[in-house]
Amino acid sequence: MHTTGVCALAAAQGWPSWTPERAERALTAPGVVAVVAVDEAGEVVGVAEMLSDGAVIAYLGLLLVAERVRGQGIGRELMLEAARRTGLERFDLLSEDDALAFYERFPHKRKPGVRIYV
């Protein structure tokens, strides 16, 4: 897993909690499907993390694409590949408002969501 590159993408988004140690644990945990996109120079330009029970529920926990390559279909392919690897037909996600237009291009149903902080 390309944890250093994933951490660099997260840092560019202002997410300091994605340290190399945490990224390694998160992306290789049981029930996690992680897919990384690497450019021709070997640099990580995208990552998708799907969490699943393998039977009924899947959740897109992370989708990041480097700003310089957005709009090229990388996020779409990462997300769909991670979903395919779960073997399930649907998944849920929470999104920032500025990313909703991207997700709403896919067949979907809107449902209210809540993020709990402990």
N, C-alpha and C. Protein backbone atom coordinates (compact mmCIF):
# COMPACT_ATOMS: atom_id res chain seq x y z
N MET A 1 0.86 -1.18 0.00
CA MET A 1 0.00 0.00 0.00
C MET A 1 0.90 1.24 0.00
N HIS A 2 0.53 2.22 -0.71
CA HIS A 2 1.29 3.46 -0.87
C HIS A 2 0.92 4.47 0.21
N THR A 3 1.21 4.16 1.46
CA THR A 3 0.73 4.99 2.57
C THR A 3 1.32 6.40 2.55
N THR A 4 2.57 6.56 2.15
CA THR A 4 3.17 7.89 2.12
C THR A 4 2.44 8.78 1.13
N GLY A 5 2.15 8.25 -0.05
CA GLY A 5 1.41 9.02 -1.05
C GLY A 5 -0.01 9.33 -0.62
N VAL A 6 -0.66 8.37 0.02
CA VAL A 6 -2.02 8.60 0.52
C VAL A 6 -2.00 9.70 1.58
N CYS A 7 -1.00 9.67 2.45
CA CYS A 7 -0.89 10.70 3.49
C CYS A 7 -0.64 12.07 2.87
N ALA A 8 0.12 12.13 1.79
CA ALA A 8 0.36 13.40 1.11
C ALA A 8 -0.94 13.95 0.52
N LEU A 9 -1.76 13.07 -0.07
CA LEU A 9 -3.05 13.52 -0.59
C LEU A 9 -3.94 14.05 0.54
N ALA A 10 -3.97 13.33 1.66
CA ALA A 10 -4.78 13.75 2.80
C ALA A 10 -4.28 15.08 3.36
N ALA A 11 -2.97 15.23 3.46
CA ALA A 11 -2.40 16.48 3.98
C ALA A 11 -2.77 17.65 3.08
N ALA A 12 -2.80 17.43 1.76
CA ALA A 12 -3.17 18.49 0.82
C ALA A 12 -4.62 18.93 1.03
N GLN A 13 -5.44 18.04 1.60
CA GLN A 13 -6.84 18.38 1.90
C GLN A 13 -6.99 18.97 3.30
N GLY A 14 -5.89 19.04 4.05
CA GLY A 14 -5.96 19.56 5.41
C GLY A 14 -6.40 18.53 6.42
N TRP A 15 -6.08 17.26 6.15
CA TRP A 15 -6.46 16.16 7.04
C TRP A 15 -5.22 15.60 7.73
N PRO A 16 -4.76 16.20 8.80
CA PRO A 16 -3.53 15.75 9.45
C PRO A 16 -3.65 14.41 10.18
N SER A 17 -4.87 13.93 10.40
CA SER A 17 -5.04 12.67 11.13
C SER A 17 -4.57 11.46 10.31
N TRP A 18 -4.38 11.63 8.99
CA TRP A 18 -3.91 10.53 8.14
C TRP A 18 -2.38 10.48 8.20
N THR A 19 -1.87 9.91 9.30
CA THR A 19 -0.43 9.70 9.45
C THR A 19 -0.08 8.36 8.78
N PRO A 20 1.19 8.10 8.47
CA PRO A 20 1.55 6.82 7.86
C PRO A 20 1.08 5.60 8.67
N GLU A 21 1.21 5.67 9.99
CA GLU A 21 0.79 4.54 10.82
C GLU A 21 -0.71 4.32 10.75
N ARG A 22 -1.47 5.40 10.85
CA ARG A 22 -2.93 5.29 10.78
C ARG A 22 -3.38 4.86 9.39
N ALA A 23 -2.76 5.42 8.36
CA ALA A 23 -3.14 5.06 6.99
C ALA A 23 -2.91 3.58 6.74
N GLU A 24 -1.80 3.06 7.17
CA GLU A 24 -1.50 1.63 6.99
C GLU A 24 -2.57 0.78 7.67
N ARG A 25 -2.90 1.12 8.91
CA ARG A 25 -3.92 0.35 9.63
C ARG A 25 -5.29 0.49 8.96
N ALA A 26 -5.65 1.71 8.56
CA ALA A 26 -6.97 1.96 7.98
C ALA A 26 -7.15 1.24 6.65
N LEU A 27 -6.13 1.28 5.82
CA LEU A 27 -6.27 0.76 4.46
C LEU A 27 -6.06 -0.74 4.35
N THR A 28 -5.60 -1.37 5.43
CA THR A 28 -5.38 -2.82 5.41
C THR A 28 -6.22 -3.55 6.46
N ALA A 29 -7.15 -2.84 7.09
CA ALA A 29 -7.97 -3.45 8.14
C ALA A 29 -8.91 -4.50 7.55
N PRO A 30 -9.32 -5.47 8.36
CA PRO A 30 -10.29 -6.46 7.88
C PRO A 30 -11.56 -5.78 7.37
N GLY A 31 -12.06 -6.23 6.23
CA GLY A 31 -13.28 -5.68 5.66
C GLY A 31 -13.06 -4.43 4.82
N VAL A 32 -11.82 -4.00 4.67
CA VAL A 32 -11.52 -2.80 3.89
C VAL A 32 -11.01 -3.18 2.52
N VAL A 33 -11.53 -2.52 1.51
CA VAL A 33 -11.02 -2.62 0.14
C VAL A 33 -10.44 -1.25 -0.17
N ALA A 34 -9.15 -1.20 -0.46
CA ALA A 34 -8.49 0.06 -0.80
C ALA A 34 -7.89 -0.05 -2.20
N VAL A 35 -8.10 0.98 -2.99
CA VAL A 35 -7.59 1.03 -4.35
C VAL A 35 -6.84 2.36 -4.51
N VAL A 36 -5.65 2.29 -5.09
CA VAL A 36 -4.81 3.47 -5.26
C VAL A 36 -4.52 3.68 -6.74
N ALA A 37 -4.56 4.94 -7.19
CA ALA A 37 -4.15 5.31 -8.55
C ALA A 37 -2.78 5.96 -8.48
N VAL A 38 -1.90 5.50 -9.37
CA VAL A 38 -0.53 6.01 -9.42
C VAL A 38 -0.28 6.53 -10.84
N ASP A 39 0.35 7.71 -10.94
CA ASP A 39 0.64 8.26 -12.27
C ASP A 39 1.89 7.63 -12.86
N GLU A 40 2.26 8.04 -14.07
CA GLU A 40 3.40 7.47 -14.78
C GLU A 40 4.73 7.68 -14.05
N ALA A 41 4.79 8.67 -13.16
CA ALA A 41 6.01 8.91 -12.39
C ALA A 41 6.03 8.13 -11.08
N GLY A 42 4.96 7.35 -10.82
CA GLY A 42 4.89 6.57 -9.60
C GLY A 42 4.30 7.31 -8.42
N GLU A 43 3.76 8.50 -8.66
CA GLU A 43 3.18 9.30 -7.58
C GLU A 43 1.71 8.91 -7.39
N VAL A 44 1.30 8.78 -6.14
CA VAL A 44 -0.10 8.49 -5.83
C VAL A 44 -0.94 9.71 -6.18
N VAL A 45 -1.94 9.51 -7.03
CA VAL A 45 -2.82 10.62 -7.43
C VAL A 45 -4.26 10.40 -7.00
N GLY A 46 -4.55 9.25 -6.39
CA GLY A 46 -5.90 9.00 -5.91
C GLY A 46 -5.98 7.77 -5.05
N VAL A 47 -7.00 7.73 -4.20
CA VAL A 47 -7.24 6.58 -3.35
C VAL A 47 -8.73 6.50 -3.02
N ALA A 48 -9.23 5.28 -2.98
CA ALA A 48 -10.60 5.02 -2.52
C ALA A 48 -10.52 3.94 -1.45
N GLU A 49 -11.30 4.10 -0.39
CA GLU A 49 -11.38 3.12 0.69
C GLU A 49 -12.84 2.77 0.90
N MET A 50 -13.16 1.50 0.73
CA MET A 50 -14.52 1.00 0.91
C MET A 50 -14.50 0.03 2.09
N LEU A 51 -15.41 0.22 3.02
CA LEU A 51 -15.56 -0.67 4.16
C LEU A 51 -16.78 -1.54 3.93
N SER A 52 -16.66 -2.84 4.18
CA SER A 52 -17.78 -3.73 3.88
C SER A 52 -17.80 -4.93 4.81
N ASP A 53 -19.02 -5.41 5.04
CA ASP A 53 -19.16 -6.68 5.76
C ASP A 53 -19.09 -7.85 4.79
N GLY A 54 -19.01 -7.56 3.49
CA GLY A 54 -18.89 -8.60 2.48
C GLY A 54 -20.18 -9.31 2.14
N ALA A 55 -21.28 -8.91 2.76
CA ALA A 55 -22.55 -9.59 2.53
C ALA A 55 -23.68 -8.62 2.18
N VAL A 56 -23.78 -7.53 2.93
CA VAL A 56 -24.92 -6.64 2.76
C VAL A 56 -24.51 -5.16 2.65
N ILE A 57 -23.63 -4.73 3.51
CA ILE A 57 -23.35 -3.30 3.66
C ILE A 57 -21.95 -2.95 3.17
N ALA A 58 -21.87 -1.86 2.40
CA ALA A 58 -20.58 -1.27 2.03
C ALA A 58 -20.70 0.23 2.22
N TYR A 59 -19.59 0.84 2.57
CA TYR A 59 -19.55 2.27 2.86
C TYR A 59 -18.28 2.85 2.26
N LEU A 60 -18.42 3.89 1.46
CA LEU A 60 -17.25 4.57 0.93
C LEU A 60 -16.73 5.50 2.01
N GLY A 61 -15.63 5.12 2.60
CA GLY A 61 -15.06 5.89 3.70
C GLY A 61 -14.14 6.99 3.24
N LEU A 62 -13.53 6.81 2.06
CA LEU A 62 -12.54 7.79 1.59
C LEU A 62 -12.46 7.75 0.08
N LEU A 63 -12.48 8.92 -0.52
CA LEU A 63 -12.18 9.08 -1.94
C LEU A 63 -11.42 10.39 -2.08
N LEU A 64 -10.17 10.28 -2.47
CA LEU A 64 -9.31 11.46 -2.65
C LEU A 64 -8.64 11.39 -4.00
N VAL A 65 -8.62 12.50 -4.70
CA VAL A 65 -7.91 12.60 -5.97
C VAL A 65 -7.10 13.88 -5.94
N ALA A 66 -5.86 13.80 -6.35
CA ALA A 66 -5.00 14.98 -6.39
C ALA A 66 -5.65 16.07 -7.23
N GLU A 67 -5.60 17.28 -6.74
CA GLU A 67 -6.27 18.39 -7.41
C GLU A 67 -5.82 18.55 -8.86
N ARG A 68 -4.56 18.31 -9.14
CA ARG A 68 -4.02 18.52 -10.49
C ARG A 68 -4.56 17.55 -11.53
N VAL A 69 -5.17 16.44 -11.09
CA VAL A 69 -5.69 15.46 -12.05
C VAL A 69 -7.21 15.25 -11.91
N ARG A 70 -7.86 16.12 -11.16
CA ARG A 70 -9.32 16.00 -11.03
C ARG A 70 -9.99 16.27 -12.37
N GLY A 71 -11.14 15.63 -12.57
CA GLY A 71 -11.88 15.81 -13.80
C GLY A 71 -11.46 14.87 -14.91
N GLN A 72 -10.56 13.93 -14.61
CA GLN A 72 -10.08 12.99 -15.62
C GLN A 72 -10.67 11.59 -15.46
N GLY A 73 -11.62 11.42 -14.54
CA GLY A 73 -12.27 10.13 -14.35
C GLY A 73 -11.58 9.22 -13.34
N ILE A 74 -10.53 9.71 -12.71
CA ILE A 74 -9.78 8.87 -11.75
C ILE A 74 -10.64 8.54 -10.54
N GLY A 75 -11.30 9.53 -9.97
CA GLY A 75 -12.16 9.29 -8.80
C GLY A 75 -13.27 8.31 -9.12
N ARG A 76 -13.89 8.48 -10.26
CA ARG A 76 -14.96 7.59 -10.70
C ARG A 76 -14.45 6.15 -10.77
N GLU A 77 -13.33 5.94 -11.43
CA GLU A 77 -12.79 4.59 -11.59
C GLU A 77 -12.36 3.99 -10.25
N LEU A 78 -11.74 4.79 -9.40
CA LEU A 78 -11.34 4.29 -8.07
C LEU A 78 -12.56 3.84 -7.28
N MET A 79 -13.57 4.68 -7.25
CA MET A 79 -14.77 4.37 -6.48
C MET A 79 -15.47 3.13 -7.02
N LEU A 80 -15.63 3.05 -8.34
CA LEU A 80 -16.31 1.90 -8.93
C LEU A 80 -15.49 0.62 -8.78
N GLU A 81 -14.17 0.70 -8.89
CA GLU A 81 -13.33 -0.49 -8.71
C GLU A 81 -13.41 -1.00 -7.27
N ALA A 82 -13.34 -0.08 -6.32
CA ALA A 82 -13.47 -0.49 -4.91
C ALA A 82 -14.82 -1.14 -4.68
N ALA A 83 -15.88 -0.56 -5.24
CA ALA A 83 -17.22 -1.14 -5.08
C ALA A 83 -17.30 -2.52 -5.71
N ARG A 84 -16.74 -2.68 -6.90
CA ARG A 84 -16.74 -4.01 -7.56
C ARG A 84 -16.06 -5.05 -6.68
N ARG A 85 -14.97 -4.65 -6.06
CA ARG A 85 -14.21 -5.60 -5.24
C ARG A 85 -14.96 -6.02 -3.98
N THR A 86 -15.95 -5.26 -3.55
CA THR A 86 -16.75 -5.70 -2.41
C THR A 86 -17.72 -6.80 -2.82
N GLY A 87 -18.07 -6.84 -4.12
CA GLY A 87 -19.03 -7.82 -4.61
C GLY A 87 -20.47 -7.44 -4.34
N LEU A 88 -20.71 -6.23 -3.86
CA LEU A 88 -22.06 -5.80 -3.53
C LEU A 88 -22.61 -4.86 -4.59
N GLU A 89 -23.92 -4.63 -4.55
CA GLU A 89 -24.58 -3.84 -5.58
C GLU A 89 -24.76 -2.37 -5.23
N ARG A 90 -24.53 -1.99 -3.98
CA ARG A 90 -24.72 -0.60 -3.58
C ARG A 90 -23.80 -0.29 -2.40
N PHE A 91 -23.62 0.99 -2.17
CA PHE A 91 -22.87 1.42 -1.00
C PHE A 91 -23.37 2.78 -0.55
N ASP A 92 -23.05 3.13 0.67
CA ASP A 92 -23.45 4.40 1.26
C ASP A 92 -22.22 5.28 1.41
N LEU A 93 -22.47 6.58 1.58
CA LEU A 93 -21.37 7.51 1.83
C LEU A 93 -21.91 8.79 2.43
N LEU A 94 -21.02 9.51 3.08
CA LEU A 94 -21.27 10.88 3.51
C LEU A 94 -20.39 11.75 2.64
N SER A 95 -20.83 12.97 2.35
CA SER A 95 -20.06 13.82 1.46
C SER A 95 -20.07 15.26 1.94
N GLU A 96 -18.99 15.95 1.66
CA GLU A 96 -18.96 17.39 1.84
C GLU A 96 -19.85 17.99 0.76
N ASP A 97 -20.43 19.15 1.02
CA ASP A 97 -21.34 19.78 0.06
C ASP A 97 -20.70 20.01 -1.29
N ASP A 98 -19.41 20.37 -1.31
CA ASP A 98 -18.77 20.69 -2.59
C ASP A 98 -18.51 19.46 -3.45
N ALA A 99 -18.70 18.26 -2.92
CA ALA A 99 -18.50 17.04 -3.71
C ALA A 99 -19.82 16.37 -4.10
N LEU A 100 -20.93 16.89 -3.62
CA LEU A 100 -22.23 16.25 -3.90
C LEU A 100 -22.52 16.14 -5.39
N ALA A 101 -22.19 17.14 -6.17
CA ALA A 101 -22.49 17.10 -7.60
C ALA A 101 -21.80 15.91 -8.26
N PHE A 102 -20.59 15.57 -7.82
CA PHE A 102 -19.87 14.41 -8.36
C PHE A 102 -20.65 13.13 -8.09
N TYR A 103 -21.05 12.92 -6.85
CA TYR A 103 -21.75 11.69 -6.48
C TYR A 103 -23.15 11.60 -7.09
N GLU A 104 -23.79 12.74 -7.25
CA GLU A 104 -25.16 12.75 -7.77
C GLU A 104 -25.22 12.41 -9.26
N ARG A 105 -24.09 12.30 -9.94
CA ARG A 105 -24.07 11.86 -11.34
C ARG A 105 -24.34 10.36 -11.47
N PHE A 106 -24.23 9.63 -10.36
CA PHE A 106 -24.45 8.18 -10.35
C PHE A 106 -25.90 7.91 -9.96
N PRO A 107 -26.46 6.78 -10.38
CA PRO A 107 -27.79 6.42 -9.88
C PRO A 107 -27.74 6.37 -8.35
N HIS A 108 -28.65 7.04 -7.69
CA HIS A 108 -28.58 7.12 -6.23
C HIS A 108 -29.94 7.46 -5.63
N LYS A 109 -30.03 7.30 -4.32
CA LYS A 109 -31.13 7.78 -3.51
C LYS A 109 -30.52 8.61 -2.40
N ARG A 110 -31.12 9.75 -2.13
CA ARG A 110 -30.66 10.59 -1.02
C ARG A 110 -31.31 10.13 0.27
N LYS A 111 -30.50 10.02 1.30
CA LYS A 111 -31.00 9.67 2.62
C LYS A 111 -30.30 10.58 3.62
N PRO A 112 -30.97 10.94 4.70
CA PRO A 112 -30.28 11.80 5.68
C PRO A 112 -29.16 11.02 6.35
N GLY A 113 -28.14 11.72 6.73
CA GLY A 113 -27.02 11.09 7.41
C GLY A 113 -26.59 11.90 8.63
N VAL A 114 -25.94 11.25 9.52
CA VAL A 114 -25.46 11.89 10.74
C VAL A 114 -24.05 11.37 11.01
N ARG A 115 -23.14 12.25 11.36
CA ARG A 115 -21.81 11.83 11.79
C ARG A 115 -21.72 12.11 13.29
N ILE A 116 -21.43 11.08 14.06
CA ILE A 116 -21.34 11.16 15.51
C ILE A 116 -19.89 11.33 15.93
N TYR A 117 -19.61 12.27 16.79
CA TYR A 117 -18.27 12.48 17.35
C TYR A 117 -18.27 12.05 18.81
N VAL A 118 -17.29 11.26 19.19
CA VAL A 118 -17.20 10.82 20.59
C VAL A 118 -15.97 11.42 21.25
